[in-house]
Amino acid sequence: MMNFRPRSLTLFVGLLLFCIATVTIQAQDWAKARLEASPRHHEYVTLKHDNRTVHAFVVYPEVKGKAPVVILIHEIFGLSDWAKEMADELAAEGFIVVAPDLLSGFGPNGGGSSEFPTQDATVKAVSGLDPNGVNADLDAAADYAKHIPAGDGKIATVGFCWGGGKSFAFATHRKDLSAVFVFYGPGPADVTAINAPVYGFYAGNDARIGATIPATVDAMKAAGKQYEPVTYDGAGHGFMRAGEDPGNTVPGNKTAREQGFARLVSLLKTMKSAPRASNESQVKTLSKKAAVATPACHEDAKPTEAAKL
């Protein structure tokens, strides 16, 4: 039997907690393995604006002609292995993907997402990001995307969880987006400045975010904007990641992930270079399966405060 002195016991407990946190961070090893097996070209680029430097992960599709560019906005967990693996999956469908690390420079020793020691530390850092600073970083990513030689000049944003709310909010700020995709993120309080069509993807077992949808539908309709939200019954918050995680135990997550990805790709392939707002608003519910909700990330879901995220 081990005989710990008080100080030794404290050190042991600290080490144990660190190991547990490390396991949590490394829980996306499956995503990392898929990413490493990809045949597509990956690179990191440096984006600069004002006095700030933002690092972004870029993936190119294997296509002959020029392609639209997708700005991928990560979850509250930062630019994780899953976020990069999702970027690669979208590139496999024929799109150039630019995924900025919005924690660039805010991590230990001036690093980004990968430098935070625990998931909680990452979540806290993302939660504390200044909304104007996030928009400035996304502007830098969009400006870069517009001038990629292999790009066709069309750009869209795709955001997940916290990034879903930021994708919606960025649409009120950026006027040259061809389409906006929001995965289980709340809408902004003021939608009148939005130019691009907005497509929502929501989980049936996510009352926190689901409760915000009616107000967003009303606001978008009143402003004459195109908004098409779809709710996937049986899925929990974060289903795009959870649905492809080998450890997922909720069938609805897998179904929603497959249907949501197919819808996303279909809409990306048909997006127009010069979108026009319409008075169209559709509310749909898919996958009528019951399951236990599995909330997996966090953001402020209040419509009136979404712009402050």
Protein backbone atom coordinates (compact mmCIF):
# COMPACT_ATOMS: atom_id res chain seq x y z
CA MET A 1 0.00 0.00 0.00
CA MET A 2 1.25 3.50 -0.86
CA ASN A 3 2.17 5.70 2.10
CA PHE A 4 1.71 9.36 1.13
CA ARG A 5 2.80 12.29 3.20
CA PRO A 6 0.44 15.32 3.00
CA ARG A 7 2.64 17.14 0.47
CA SER A 8 3.11 13.99 -1.58
CA LEU A 9 -0.62 13.38 -1.57
CA THR A 10 -1.27 16.93 -2.78
CA LEU A 11 1.20 16.51 -5.62
CA PHE A 12 -0.30 13.15 -6.54
CA VAL A 13 -3.84 14.55 -6.65
CA GLY A 14 -2.65 17.49 -8.74
CA LEU A 15 -0.94 15.17 -11.19
CA LEU A 16 -4.04 12.98 -11.38
CA LEU A 17 -6.27 15.96 -12.15
CA PHE A 18 -3.83 17.14 -14.82
CA CYS A 19 -3.88 13.71 -16.44
CA ILE A 20 -7.68 13.66 -16.43
CA ALA A 21 -7.77 17.10 -18.08
CA THR A 22 -5.22 15.94 -20.64
CA VAL A 23 -7.33 12.91 -21.49
CA THR A 24 -10.32 15.21 -22.02
CA ILE A 25 -8.35 17.38 -24.43
CA GLN A 26 -7.01 14.36 -26.27
CA ALA A 27 -10.46 12.80 -26.61
CA GLN A 28 -10.48 13.88 -30.25
CA ASP A 29 -7.64 11.57 -31.24
CA TRP A 30 -10.03 9.95 -33.71
CA ALA A 31 -10.40 13.30 -35.49
CA LYS A 32 -6.64 13.84 -35.50
CA ALA A 33 -6.09 10.39 -37.02
CA ARG A 34 -8.57 11.10 -39.82
CA LEU A 35 -6.94 14.44 -40.49
CA GLU A 36 -3.48 12.92 -40.72
CA ALA A 37 -4.77 10.32 -43.20
CA SER A 38 -6.21 12.98 -45.52
CA PRO A 39 -4.71 13.30 -49.02
CA ARG A 40 -5.60 17.00 -49.22
CA HIS A 41 -3.18 19.91 -48.90
CA HIS A 42 -3.14 21.50 -45.44
CA GLU A 43 -1.24 24.61 -44.47
CA TYR A 44 -1.13 27.30 -41.81
CA VAL A 45 -1.19 30.94 -42.83
CA THR A 46 -0.62 34.14 -40.90
CA LEU A 47 -3.30 36.83 -41.11
CA LYS A 48 -2.49 40.34 -39.93
CA HIS A 49 -4.74 43.27 -39.13
CA ASP A 50 -4.09 46.33 -37.02
CA ASN A 51 -1.42 45.19 -34.53
CA ARG A 52 -2.70 41.62 -34.33
CA THR A 53 -1.58 38.32 -35.85
CA VAL A 54 -4.05 35.49 -36.38
CA HIS A 55 -3.05 32.00 -37.43
CA ALA A 56 -5.43 30.05 -39.67
CA PHE A 57 -5.63 26.47 -40.85
CA VAL A 58 -6.29 26.21 -44.60
CA VAL A 59 -7.35 23.14 -46.57
CA TYR A 60 -7.50 22.91 -50.36
CA PRO A 61 -9.74 20.55 -52.32
CA GLU A 62 -8.40 18.36 -55.12
CA VAL A 63 -10.26 20.04 -57.98
CA LYS A 64 -9.35 21.44 -61.41
CA GLY A 65 -11.12 24.78 -61.29
CA LYS A 66 -11.52 27.61 -58.82
CA ALA A 67 -13.61 26.94 -55.74
CA PRO A 68 -15.73 28.89 -53.24
CA VAL A 69 -14.10 29.55 -49.88
CA VAL A 70 -15.65 28.63 -46.54
CA ILE A 71 -14.66 30.49 -43.36
CA LEU A 72 -15.02 27.91 -40.59
CA ILE A 73 -15.65 29.35 -37.12
CA HIS A 74 -14.71 26.94 -34.37
CA GLU A 75 -16.63 25.88 -31.27
CA ILE A 76 -16.04 27.26 -27.80
CA PHE A 77 -13.34 24.60 -27.54
CA GLY A 78 -11.05 26.54 -29.88
CA LEU A 79 -9.42 25.34 -33.09
CA SER A 80 -9.51 21.69 -32.05
CA ASP A 81 -8.59 18.58 -34.00
CA TRP A 82 -12.28 18.11 -34.75
CA ALA A 83 -12.59 21.65 -36.16
CA LYS A 84 -9.64 20.99 -38.46
CA GLU A 85 -11.02 17.58 -39.42
CA MET A 86 -14.36 19.20 -40.29
CA ALA A 87 -12.47 21.71 -42.46
CA ASP A 88 -10.87 18.79 -44.26
CA GLU A 89 -14.25 17.10 -44.79
CA LEU A 90 -15.63 20.24 -46.40
CA ALA A 91 -12.55 20.50 -48.61
CA ALA A 92 -13.20 16.92 -49.70
CA GLU A 93 -16.52 18.20 -51.09
CA GLY A 94 -14.79 20.76 -53.31
CA PHE A 95 -14.37 23.88 -51.15
CA ILE A 96 -11.36 25.78 -49.92
CA VAL A 97 -11.64 26.14 -46.15
CA VAL A 98 -10.04 28.79 -43.97
CA ALA A 99 -10.33 28.12 -40.23
CA PRO A 100 -8.89 30.97 -38.13
CA ASP A 101 -7.73 30.25 -34.60
CA LEU A 102 -9.53 33.02 -32.77
CA LEU A 103 -7.43 32.33 -29.69
CA SER A 104 -4.23 33.23 -31.55
CA GLY A 105 -1.95 35.10 -29.19
CA PHE A 106 -4.19 34.62 -26.15
CA GLY A 107 -2.76 31.30 -25.00
CA PRO A 108 0.17 30.63 -22.68
CA ASN A 109 3.44 32.06 -24.03
CA GLY A 110 1.49 33.93 -26.70
CA GLY A 111 0.21 30.74 -28.31
CA GLY A 112 -3.23 29.78 -29.54
CA SER A 113 -5.80 27.05 -28.93
CA SER A 114 -3.29 24.23 -28.68
CA GLU A 115 -1.39 25.91 -25.84
CA PHE A 116 -4.16 25.92 -23.26
CA PRO A 117 -3.55 23.25 -20.59
CA THR A 118 -7.19 22.24 -20.02
CA GLN A 119 -10.53 22.32 -21.77
CA ASP A 120 -11.92 24.60 -19.07
CA ALA A 121 -9.12 27.08 -19.69
CA THR A 122 -9.90 27.07 -23.42
CA VAL A 123 -13.62 27.57 -22.82
CA LYS A 124 -12.94 30.46 -20.45
CA ALA A 125 -10.63 32.13 -22.96
CA VAL A 126 -13.06 31.80 -25.87
CA SER A 127 -15.92 33.05 -23.70
CA GLY A 128 -13.92 36.16 -22.89
CA LEU A 129 -13.10 37.14 -26.46
CA ASP A 130 -14.18 40.66 -27.44
CA PRO A 131 -16.99 40.54 -30.07
CA ASN A 132 -15.45 43.39 -32.06
CA GLY A 133 -12.11 41.64 -31.99
CA VAL A 134 -13.71 38.44 -33.26
CA ASN A 135 -15.30 40.32 -36.15
CA ALA A 136 -11.95 41.93 -36.96
CA ASP A 137 -10.28 38.51 -37.02
CA LEU A 138 -13.04 37.12 -39.24
CA ASP A 139 -12.69 40.15 -41.51
CA ALA A 140 -9.01 39.30 -41.91
CA ALA A 141 -9.93 35.71 -42.77
CA ALA A 142 -12.58 36.83 -45.26
CA ASP A 143 -10.24 39.36 -46.90
CA TYR A 144 -7.65 36.62 -47.27
CA ALA A 145 -10.29 34.25 -48.68
CA LYS A 146 -11.39 36.80 -51.30
CA HIS A 147 -7.86 36.93 -52.70
CA ILE A 148 -6.88 33.26 -52.72
CA PRO A 149 -5.80 32.62 -56.34
CA ALA A 150 -7.59 29.27 -56.39
CA GLY A 151 -10.77 30.81 -55.00
CA ASP A 152 -13.70 31.94 -57.14
CA GLY A 153 -14.43 35.06 -55.08
CA LYS A 154 -17.42 33.61 -53.22
CA ILE A 155 -17.20 33.25 -49.46
CA ALA A 156 -19.50 31.74 -46.86
CA THR A 157 -19.24 31.34 -43.09
CA VAL A 158 -19.93 28.10 -41.23
CA GLY A 159 -19.94 28.20 -37.44
CA PHE A 160 -20.53 25.61 -34.74
CA CYS A 161 -21.79 26.12 -31.18
CA TRP A 162 -20.21 29.42 -30.01
CA GLY A 163 -19.00 29.77 -33.59
CA GLY A 164 -22.57 29.36 -34.84
CA GLY A 165 -23.61 32.47 -32.96
CA LYS A 166 -20.54 34.26 -34.30
CA SER A 167 -21.36 33.21 -37.87
CA PHE A 168 -24.82 34.76 -37.49
CA ALA A 169 -23.43 37.90 -35.85
CA PHE A 170 -20.73 38.30 -38.50
CA ALA A 171 -23.47 38.40 -41.15
CA THR A 172 -24.67 41.68 -39.65
CA HIS A 173 -21.18 43.10 -40.08
CA ARG A 174 -19.88 41.68 -43.37
CA LYS A 175 -21.79 42.61 -46.52
CA ASP A 176 -20.17 40.42 -49.18
CA LEU A 177 -20.99 36.97 -47.82
CA SER A 178 -22.67 34.59 -50.23
CA ALA A 179 -24.24 32.45 -47.51
CA VAL A 180 -24.21 32.02 -43.75
CA PHE A 181 -24.52 28.70 -41.93
CA VAL A 182 -25.35 28.54 -38.23
CA PHE A 183 -25.04 25.28 -36.29
CA TYR A 184 -26.88 25.44 -32.95
CA GLY A 185 -25.98 29.07 -32.26
CA PRO A 186 -28.30 31.97 -31.28
CA GLY A 187 -29.23 34.83 -33.57
CA PRO A 188 -28.23 38.47 -33.03
CA ALA A 189 -30.62 41.02 -31.60
CA ASP A 190 -30.58 43.20 -34.73
CA VAL A 191 -30.73 41.40 -38.08
CA THR A 192 -31.58 44.33 -40.31
CA ALA A 193 -28.06 44.66 -41.75
CA ILE A 194 -27.84 41.06 -42.96
CA ASN A 195 -27.48 40.65 -46.74
CA ALA A 196 -26.82 36.94 -47.18
CA PRO A 197 -29.25 34.05 -46.76
CA VAL A 198 -28.91 32.34 -43.38
CA TYR A 199 -29.34 28.60 -42.90
CA GLY A 200 -29.81 27.21 -39.41
CA PHE A 201 -29.11 23.71 -38.09
CA TYR A 202 -30.53 22.95 -34.65
CA ALA A 203 -30.93 20.02 -32.27
CA GLY A 204 -34.32 18.82 -31.07
CA ASN A 205 -32.93 18.10 -27.60
CA ASP A 206 -31.43 21.54 -27.08
CA ALA A 207 -34.14 23.64 -25.48
CA ARG A 208 -31.65 26.35 -24.49
CA ILE A 209 -30.93 27.23 -28.13
CA GLY A 210 -34.23 25.98 -29.53
CA ALA A 211 -36.12 28.50 -27.41
CA THR A 212 -34.39 31.33 -29.29
CA ILE A 213 -35.45 30.20 -32.76
CA PRO A 214 -39.03 31.63 -32.85
CA ALA A 215 -37.80 35.14 -32.03
CA THR A 216 -35.09 34.87 -34.69
CA VAL A 217 -37.64 33.65 -37.24
CA ASP A 218 -39.88 36.63 -36.45
CA ALA A 219 -37.01 39.11 -36.60
CA MET A 220 -35.67 37.80 -39.91
CA LYS A 221 -39.16 37.74 -41.42
CA ALA A 222 -39.92 41.27 -40.26
CA ALA A 223 -36.63 42.48 -41.76
CA GLY A 224 -37.32 40.72 -45.06
CA LYS A 225 -34.33 38.40 -44.73
CA GLN A 226 -33.96 34.81 -45.86
CA TYR A 227 -33.69 32.41 -42.93
CA GLU A 228 -34.18 28.67 -43.16
CA PRO A 229 -33.81 26.86 -39.84
CA VAL A 230 -34.03 23.07 -39.61
CA THR A 231 -34.35 21.21 -36.32
CA TYR A 232 -33.14 17.62 -36.10
CA ASP A 233 -35.22 15.69 -33.60
CA GLY A 234 -33.40 13.23 -31.41
CA ALA A 235 -30.11 15.12 -31.59
CA GLY A 236 -28.34 17.00 -28.84
CA HIS A 237 -26.34 20.22 -28.89
CA GLY A 238 -23.03 19.69 -30.68
CA PHE A 239 -24.33 16.89 -32.88
CA MET A 240 -21.97 17.63 -35.78
CA ARG A 241 -19.03 16.59 -33.61
CA ALA A 242 -20.80 14.07 -31.40
CA GLY A 243 -22.43 12.38 -34.39
CA GLU A 244 -19.10 11.28 -35.84
CA ASP A 245 -17.37 10.56 -32.53
CA PRO A 246 -16.82 6.77 -32.25
CA GLY A 247 -17.88 7.04 -28.61
CA ASN A 248 -21.28 8.57 -29.42
CA THR A 249 -24.19 6.68 -27.81
CA VAL A 250 -27.07 8.80 -29.12
CA PRO A 251 -28.43 7.56 -32.48
CA GLY A 252 -30.07 10.93 -33.14
CA ASN A 253 -26.69 12.65 -33.15
CA LYS A 254 -25.39 10.40 -35.91
CA THR A 255 -28.55 10.84 -38.00
CA ALA A 256 -28.53 14.62 -37.56
CA ARG A 257 -24.84 14.79 -38.37
CA GLU A 258 -25.32 12.89 -41.63
CA GLN A 259 -28.40 14.87 -42.67
CA GLY A 260 -26.92 18.19 -41.55
CA PHE A 261 -23.68 17.63 -43.44
CA ALA A 262 -25.52 16.61 -46.61
CA ARG A 263 -27.70 19.72 -46.39
CA LEU A 264 -24.68 21.96 -45.77
CA VAL A 265 -22.80 20.62 -48.77
CA SER A 266 -25.86 20.87 -51.01
CA LEU A 267 -26.44 24.50 -50.05
CA LEU A 268 -22.77 25.40 -50.42
CA LYS A 269 -22.77 24.01 -53.94
CA THR A 270 -25.71 26.16 -54.95
CA MET A 271 -24.83 29.41 -53.22
CA LYS A 272 -24.83 32.45 -55.48
CA SER A 273 -22.11 35.05 -55.82
CA ALA A 274 -24.49 37.94 -55.23
CA PRO A 275 -27.20 36.87 -52.76
CA ARG A 276 -30.30 38.97 -52.29
CA ALA A 277 -32.39 39.01 -49.13
CA SER A 278 -35.90 37.68 -49.38
CA ASN A 279 -38.92 37.45 -47.10
CA GLU A 280 -38.65 33.69 -47.05
CA SER A 281 -38.57 31.91 -43.70
CA GLN A 282 -39.02 28.21 -43.25
CA VAL A 283 -39.08 26.15 -40.07
CA LYS A 284 -38.51 22.42 -40.43
CA THR A 285 -38.10 19.47 -38.12
CA LEU A 286 -36.37 16.28 -39.18
CA SER A 287 -35.54 12.85 -37.74
CA LYS A 288 -38.43 12.03 -35.45
CA LYS A 289 -36.46 10.00 -32.92
CA ALA A 290 -36.36 10.53 -29.18
CA ALA A 291 -33.07 10.51 -27.31
CA VAL A 292 -31.41 12.01 -24.29
CA ALA A 293 -29.96 15.47 -24.89
CA THR A 294 -26.17 15.68 -24.78
CA PRO A 295 -25.24 19.35 -24.41
CA ALA A 296 -21.58 19.69 -25.24
CA CYS A 297 -20.68 23.34 -25.52
CA HIS A 298 -21.75 26.71 -24.26
CA GLU A 299 -22.66 30.20 -25.33
CA ASP A 300 -25.12 32.88 -24.31
CA ALA A 301 -28.41 31.86 -25.90
CA LYS A 302 -30.36 35.02 -25.16
CA PRO A 303 -31.38 36.64 -28.49
CA THR A 304 -31.14 40.14 -27.06
CA GLU A 305 -27.58 39.56 -25.90
CA ALA A 306 -26.25 37.42 -28.72
CA ALA A 307 -24.40 40.34 -30.27
CA LYS A 308 -22.41 40.64 -27.04
CA LEU A 309 -20.95 37.11 -27.26
